Amino acid sequence: MKVTPEHNERMAKMTFASVYPHYVSKVERKGRTKEELQQVIKWLTGFDAHALHGLIDEKVTFETFFKRAELNPNAQLITGVICDYRIEEIENPLTQQVRYLDKLVDELAKGRKMDKILRTTG
């Protein structure tokens, strides 16, 4: 599936605060915790729980969220399909970063082991 410029723009302008509660409910429904979700987000972005809540309170867009993030150097190891898009083929860097986060949340919700989610083992 091809990512359109309109899709990229929509992703950039979406607020992290509008999506975060969905991430929390998704992982909690599957027996995972908010703390595990925050651990995954910290691994990807460098944001600890305090910074994360500041960004939520500020209602930053995904564009601002990822501009401020220090993306994990192993983020490119996140591959596969999310929302009908093959992550490694997404050309827009911001859209790809949002999909990295979506993929990690999915893996957490599906019960994948944390060391696998955080790409710490081969």
N, C-alpha and C. Protein backbone atom coordinates (compact mmCIF):
# COMPACT_ATOMS: atom_id res chain seq x y z
N MET A 1 0.85 -1.18 0.00
CA MET A 1 0.00 0.00 0.00
C MET A 1 0.89 1.24 0.00
N LYS A 2 0.57 2.18 -0.85
CA LYS A 2 1.37 3.39 -0.99
C LYS A 2 0.89 4.46 -0.01
N VAL A 3 1.85 5.07 0.70
CA VAL A 3 1.53 6.16 1.63
C VAL A 3 1.38 7.44 0.81
N THR A 4 0.25 8.12 0.97
CA THR A 4 0.00 9.36 0.21
C THR A 4 0.49 10.58 0.99
N PRO A 5 0.73 11.69 0.28
CA PRO A 5 1.10 12.93 0.98
C PRO A 5 0.03 13.37 1.99
N GLU A 6 -1.22 13.12 1.67
CA GLU A 6 -2.32 13.47 2.59
C GLU A 6 -2.23 12.64 3.87
N HIS A 7 -1.91 11.37 3.71
CA HIS A 7 -1.75 10.49 4.87
C HIS A 7 -0.59 10.99 5.73
N ASN A 8 0.52 11.33 5.11
CA ASN A 8 1.68 11.84 5.85
C ASN A 8 1.33 13.11 6.62
N GLU A 9 0.59 14.00 5.98
CA GLU A 9 0.18 15.25 6.63
C GLU A 9 -0.74 14.98 7.82
N ARG A 10 -1.66 14.05 7.65
CA ARG A 10 -2.58 13.70 8.72
C ARG A 10 -1.81 13.13 9.92
N MET A 11 -0.82 12.28 9.64
CA MET A 11 0.00 11.71 10.71
C MET A 11 0.77 12.81 11.45
N ALA A 12 1.33 13.74 10.70
CA ALA A 12 2.14 14.81 11.29
C ALA A 12 1.32 15.69 12.22
N LYS A 13 0.07 15.96 11.85
CA LYS A 13 -0.76 16.90 12.60
C LYS A 13 -1.55 16.25 13.74
N MET A 14 -1.59 14.93 13.79
CA MET A 14 -2.30 14.23 14.86
C MET A 14 -1.55 14.46 16.18
N THR A 15 -2.28 14.67 17.26
CA THR A 15 -1.60 14.88 18.53
C THR A 15 -1.31 13.54 19.21
N PHE A 16 -0.16 13.49 19.85
CA PHE A 16 0.20 12.30 20.60
C PHE A 16 -0.82 12.06 21.71
N ALA A 17 -1.29 13.13 22.34
CA ALA A 17 -2.26 13.02 23.43
C ALA A 17 -3.56 12.34 22.99
N SER A 18 -3.92 12.50 21.72
CA SER A 18 -5.16 11.89 21.23
C SER A 18 -5.01 10.38 21.01
N VAL A 19 -3.79 9.91 20.82
CA VAL A 19 -3.54 8.51 20.51
C VAL A 19 -3.08 7.72 21.75
N TYR A 20 -2.37 8.37 22.64
CA TYR A 20 -1.80 7.69 23.81
C TYR A 20 -2.83 6.89 24.62
N PRO A 21 -4.02 7.45 24.91
CA PRO A 21 -5.00 6.64 25.67
C PRO A 21 -5.39 5.34 24.95
N HIS A 22 -5.38 5.38 23.63
CA HIS A 22 -5.70 4.17 22.84
C HIS A 22 -4.58 3.13 23.00
N TYR A 23 -3.33 3.61 23.02
CA TYR A 23 -2.21 2.71 23.25
C TYR A 23 -2.35 2.04 24.62
N VAL A 24 -2.64 2.86 25.64
CA VAL A 24 -2.78 2.34 27.01
C VAL A 24 -3.89 1.30 27.08
N SER A 25 -5.05 1.63 26.55
CA SER A 25 -6.17 0.68 26.64
C SER A 25 -5.89 -0.59 25.85
N LYS A 26 -5.22 -0.47 24.72
CA LYS A 26 -4.90 -1.64 23.91
C LYS A 26 -3.99 -2.61 24.67
N VAL A 27 -2.94 -2.09 25.28
CA VAL A 27 -2.02 -3.00 25.98
C VAL A 27 -2.63 -3.54 27.28
N GLU A 28 -3.41 -2.70 27.98
CA GLU A 28 -4.02 -3.15 29.23
C GLU A 28 -5.09 -4.21 28.99
N ARG A 29 -5.82 -4.09 27.88
CA ARG A 29 -6.83 -5.11 27.52
C ARG A 29 -6.18 -6.48 27.33
N LYS A 30 -4.94 -6.45 26.91
CA LYS A 30 -4.22 -7.70 26.63
C LYS A 30 -3.33 -8.14 27.79
N GLY A 31 -3.52 -7.51 28.96
CA GLY A 31 -2.80 -7.94 30.15
C GLY A 31 -1.43 -7.33 30.35
N ARG A 32 -1.08 -6.33 29.57
CA ARG A 32 0.19 -5.65 29.76
C ARG A 32 -0.07 -4.37 30.55
N THR A 33 0.99 -3.69 30.98
CA THR A 33 0.83 -2.53 31.85
C THR A 33 1.22 -1.23 31.17
N LYS A 34 0.72 -0.15 31.76
CA LYS A 34 1.09 1.20 31.29
C LYS A 34 2.60 1.40 31.45
N GLU A 35 3.16 0.85 32.50
CA GLU A 35 4.61 0.97 32.74
C GLU A 35 5.40 0.28 31.63
N GLU A 36 4.92 -0.88 31.18
CA GLU A 36 5.58 -1.57 30.06
C GLU A 36 5.47 -0.72 28.79
N LEU A 37 4.31 -0.12 28.58
CA LEU A 37 4.13 0.76 27.42
C LEU A 37 5.12 1.92 27.49
N GLN A 38 5.25 2.52 28.66
CA GLN A 38 6.18 3.64 28.81
C GLN A 38 7.63 3.20 28.60
N GLN A 39 7.94 1.97 29.01
CA GLN A 39 9.29 1.44 28.77
C GLN A 39 9.57 1.32 27.28
N VAL A 40 8.58 0.85 26.53
CA VAL A 40 8.71 0.71 25.08
C VAL A 40 8.87 2.09 24.42
N ILE A 41 8.06 3.05 24.85
CA ILE A 41 8.14 4.41 24.29
C ILE A 41 9.49 5.03 24.63
N LYS A 42 9.97 4.81 25.86
CA LYS A 42 11.27 5.36 26.24
C LYS A 42 12.38 4.76 25.38
N TRP A 43 12.30 3.45 25.13
CA TRP A 43 13.32 2.81 24.30
C TRP A 43 13.36 3.46 22.91
N LEU A 44 12.19 3.69 22.33
CA LEU A 44 12.14 4.24 20.98
C LEU A 44 12.52 5.72 20.93
N THR A 45 12.03 6.51 21.90
CA THR A 45 12.13 7.97 21.80
C THR A 45 13.06 8.65 22.78
N GLY A 46 13.38 7.95 23.87
CA GLY A 46 14.18 8.56 24.93
C GLY A 46 13.34 9.29 25.98
N PHE A 47 12.02 9.39 25.77
CA PHE A 47 11.16 10.11 26.71
C PHE A 47 10.81 9.23 27.91
N ASP A 48 11.17 9.69 29.13
CA ASP A 48 10.73 8.98 30.32
C ASP A 48 9.28 9.36 30.62
N ALA A 49 8.70 8.76 31.67
CA ALA A 49 7.29 8.98 31.99
C ALA A 49 6.99 10.46 32.23
N HIS A 50 7.91 11.15 32.92
CA HIS A 50 7.70 12.57 33.21
C HIS A 50 7.66 13.39 31.91
N ALA A 51 8.63 13.17 31.04
CA ALA A 51 8.67 13.89 29.76
C ALA A 51 7.44 13.56 28.92
N LEU A 52 7.06 12.31 28.94
CA LEU A 52 5.89 11.85 28.17
C LEU A 52 4.63 12.60 28.61
N HIS A 53 4.44 12.70 29.92
CA HIS A 53 3.24 13.40 30.41
C HIS A 53 3.29 14.89 30.10
N GLY A 54 4.49 15.47 30.08
CA GLY A 54 4.64 16.87 29.67
C GLY A 54 4.21 17.07 28.22
N LEU A 55 4.61 16.15 27.35
CA LEU A 55 4.23 16.23 25.94
C LEU A 55 2.73 16.04 25.75
N ILE A 56 2.14 15.17 26.57
CA ILE A 56 0.70 14.95 26.51
C ILE A 56 -0.03 16.23 26.96
N ASP A 57 0.43 16.80 28.08
CA ASP A 57 -0.19 18.04 28.58
C ASP A 57 -0.06 19.19 27.58
N GLU A 58 1.05 19.20 26.87
CA GLU A 58 1.32 20.25 25.88
C GLU A 58 0.54 20.01 24.58
N LYS A 59 -0.01 18.80 24.44
CA LYS A 59 -0.78 18.42 23.24
C LYS A 59 0.05 18.58 21.95
N VAL A 60 1.28 18.06 22.00
CA VAL A 60 2.15 18.16 20.83
C VAL A 60 1.67 17.24 19.72
N THR A 61 1.94 17.64 18.50
CA THR A 61 1.65 16.80 17.34
C THR A 61 2.72 15.72 17.25
N PHE A 62 2.43 14.68 16.46
CA PHE A 62 3.45 13.66 16.23
C PHE A 62 4.69 14.28 15.60
N GLU A 63 4.50 15.29 14.77
CA GLU A 63 5.64 15.97 14.15
C GLU A 63 6.57 16.53 15.23
N THR A 64 6.02 17.25 16.19
CA THR A 64 6.81 17.81 17.29
C THR A 64 7.35 16.71 18.19
N PHE A 65 6.52 15.73 18.48
CA PHE A 65 6.92 14.60 19.33
C PHE A 65 8.20 13.96 18.81
N PHE A 66 8.22 13.64 17.52
CA PHE A 66 9.40 12.95 16.98
C PHE A 66 10.55 13.90 16.69
N LYS A 67 10.29 15.20 16.50
CA LYS A 67 11.39 16.16 16.37
C LYS A 67 12.16 16.25 17.67
N ARG A 68 11.45 16.16 18.79
CA ARG A 68 12.09 16.25 20.11
C ARG A 68 12.68 14.92 20.58
N ALA A 69 12.27 13.85 19.96
CA ALA A 69 12.73 12.52 20.38
C ALA A 69 14.17 12.28 19.97
N GLU A 70 14.83 11.42 20.74
CA GLU A 70 16.14 10.90 20.35
C GLU A 70 15.90 9.45 19.96
N LEU A 71 15.64 9.24 18.68
CA LEU A 71 15.26 7.92 18.20
C LEU A 71 16.37 6.90 18.47
N ASN A 72 15.97 5.75 18.98
CA ASN A 72 16.91 4.69 19.27
C ASN A 72 17.61 4.27 17.98
N PRO A 73 18.94 4.12 18.02
CA PRO A 73 19.66 3.73 16.80
C PRO A 73 19.22 2.37 16.25
N ASN A 74 18.60 1.53 17.08
CA ASN A 74 18.13 0.23 16.60
C ASN A 74 16.69 0.28 16.07
N ALA A 75 16.12 1.46 15.98
CA ALA A 75 14.74 1.58 15.50
C ALA A 75 14.57 0.98 14.10
N GLN A 76 15.60 1.06 13.27
CA GLN A 76 15.48 0.51 11.91
C GLN A 76 15.33 -1.00 11.92
N LEU A 77 15.54 -1.64 13.07
CA LEU A 77 15.32 -3.08 13.18
C LEU A 77 13.83 -3.43 13.29
N ILE A 78 13.00 -2.41 13.45
CA ILE A 78 11.56 -2.61 13.53
C ILE A 78 11.04 -2.75 12.11
N THR A 79 10.60 -3.95 11.77
CA THR A 79 10.13 -4.22 10.42
C THR A 79 8.80 -4.95 10.48
N GLY A 80 8.21 -5.12 9.34
CA GLY A 80 6.94 -5.84 9.26
C GLY A 80 5.83 -4.94 8.77
N VAL A 81 4.62 -5.43 8.92
CA VAL A 81 3.46 -4.72 8.40
C VAL A 81 2.62 -4.20 9.57
N ILE A 82 2.21 -2.94 9.46
CA ILE A 82 1.31 -2.34 10.43
C ILE A 82 0.31 -1.49 9.66
N CYS A 83 -0.95 -1.68 9.93
CA CYS A 83 -2.02 -0.94 9.22
C CYS A 83 -1.88 -1.03 7.70
N ASP A 84 -1.54 -2.21 7.21
CA ASP A 84 -1.37 -2.48 5.78
C ASP A 84 -0.16 -1.81 5.13
N TYR A 85 0.73 -1.27 5.94
CA TYR A 85 1.95 -0.65 5.41
C TYR A 85 3.16 -1.45 5.86
N ARG A 86 4.08 -1.75 4.92
CA ARG A 86 5.34 -2.40 5.28
C ARG A 86 6.26 -1.29 5.79
N ILE A 87 6.58 -1.34 7.07
CA ILE A 87 7.30 -0.26 7.75
C ILE A 87 8.60 0.11 7.05
N GLU A 88 9.38 -0.88 6.67
CA GLU A 88 10.69 -0.58 6.09
C GLU A 88 10.59 0.05 4.70
N GLU A 89 9.41 0.06 4.09
CA GLU A 89 9.23 0.66 2.77
C GLU A 89 8.61 2.06 2.82
N ILE A 90 8.26 2.53 4.01
CA ILE A 90 7.67 3.87 4.13
C ILE A 90 8.77 4.90 3.92
N GLU A 91 8.57 5.79 2.96
CA GLU A 91 9.61 6.75 2.59
C GLU A 91 9.62 7.99 3.46
N ASN A 92 8.47 8.42 3.96
CA ASN A 92 8.40 9.61 4.79
C ASN A 92 8.93 9.27 6.19
N PRO A 93 10.02 9.92 6.64
CA PRO A 93 10.61 9.56 7.93
C PRO A 93 9.64 9.68 9.12
N LEU A 94 8.84 10.72 9.15
CA LEU A 94 7.92 10.90 10.27
C LEU A 94 6.86 9.80 10.29
N THR A 95 6.27 9.52 9.14
CA THR A 95 5.26 8.47 9.07
C THR A 95 5.89 7.13 9.48
N GLN A 96 7.11 6.89 9.06
CA GLN A 96 7.79 5.66 9.44
C GLN A 96 7.99 5.60 10.96
N GLN A 97 8.36 6.71 11.58
CA GLN A 97 8.57 6.74 13.02
C GLN A 97 7.27 6.48 13.78
N VAL A 98 6.17 7.07 13.31
CA VAL A 98 4.87 6.82 13.93
C VAL A 98 4.53 5.34 13.82
N ARG A 99 4.79 4.75 12.68
CA ARG A 99 4.50 3.33 12.47
C ARG A 99 5.44 2.44 13.30
N TYR A 100 6.68 2.89 13.55
CA TYR A 100 7.55 2.17 14.47
C TYR A 100 6.85 2.06 15.83
N LEU A 101 6.34 3.18 16.30
CA LEU A 101 5.67 3.20 17.60
C LEU A 101 4.43 2.30 17.58
N ASP A 102 3.64 2.40 16.53
CA ASP A 102 2.46 1.54 16.41
C ASP A 102 2.85 0.06 16.47
N LYS A 103 3.91 -0.30 15.78
CA LYS A 103 4.36 -1.69 15.73
C LYS A 103 4.80 -2.17 17.11
N LEU A 104 5.53 -1.34 17.84
CA LEU A 104 5.97 -1.71 19.17
C LEU A 104 4.79 -1.92 20.11
N VAL A 105 3.80 -1.03 20.01
CA VAL A 105 2.59 -1.15 20.83
C VAL A 105 1.87 -2.45 20.49
N ASP A 106 1.78 -2.77 19.20
CA ASP A 106 1.16 -4.03 18.77
C ASP A 106 1.89 -5.24 19.34
N GLU A 107 3.20 -5.22 19.26
CA GLU A 107 3.99 -6.34 19.77
C GLU A 107 3.79 -6.51 21.27
N LEU A 108 3.74 -5.40 21.99
CA LEU A 108 3.50 -5.45 23.43
C LEU A 108 2.13 -6.05 23.71
N ALA A 109 1.12 -5.58 23.00
CA ALA A 109 -0.25 -6.06 23.19
C ALA A 109 -0.38 -7.54 22.84
N LYS A 110 0.42 -8.00 21.89
CA LYS A 110 0.33 -9.41 21.47
C LYS A 110 1.13 -10.34 22.39
N GLY A 111 1.73 -9.78 23.44
CA GLY A 111 2.42 -10.61 24.41
C GLY A 111 3.86 -10.95 24.09
N ARG A 112 4.43 -10.25 23.14
CA ARG A 112 5.83 -10.52 22.80
C ARG A 112 6.71 -10.18 23.99
N LYS A 113 7.80 -10.92 24.15
CA LYS A 113 8.71 -10.68 25.27
C LYS A 113 9.40 -9.33 25.10
N MET A 114 9.60 -8.65 26.23
CA MET A 114 10.16 -7.30 26.21
C MET A 114 11.52 -7.24 25.54
N ASP A 115 12.40 -8.24 25.76
CA ASP A 115 13.71 -8.18 25.12
C ASP A 115 13.60 -8.27 23.60
N LYS A 116 12.59 -8.93 23.09
CA LYS A 116 12.36 -8.99 21.64
C LYS A 116 11.82 -7.66 21.13
N ILE A 117 10.87 -7.08 21.88
CA ILE A 117 10.31 -5.79 21.49
C ILE A 117 11.39 -4.73 21.42
N LEU A 118 12.29 -4.75 22.42
CA LEU A 118 13.35 -3.74 22.50
C LEU A 118 14.58 -4.10 21.68
N ARG A 119 14.43 -5.15 20.88
CA ARG A 119 15.49 -5.56 19.95
C ARG A 119 16.83 -5.73 20.65
N THR A 120 16.82 -6.37 21.85
CA THR A 120 18.07 -6.56 22.60
C THR A 120 18.70 -7.92 22.36
N THR A 121 17.96 -8.83 21.71
CA THR A 121 18.53 -10.14 21.39
C THR A 121 18.43 -10.37 19.89
N GLY A 122 19.32 -11.18 19.39
CA GLY A 122 19.37 -11.42 17.96
C GLY A 122 18.33 -12.32 17.41
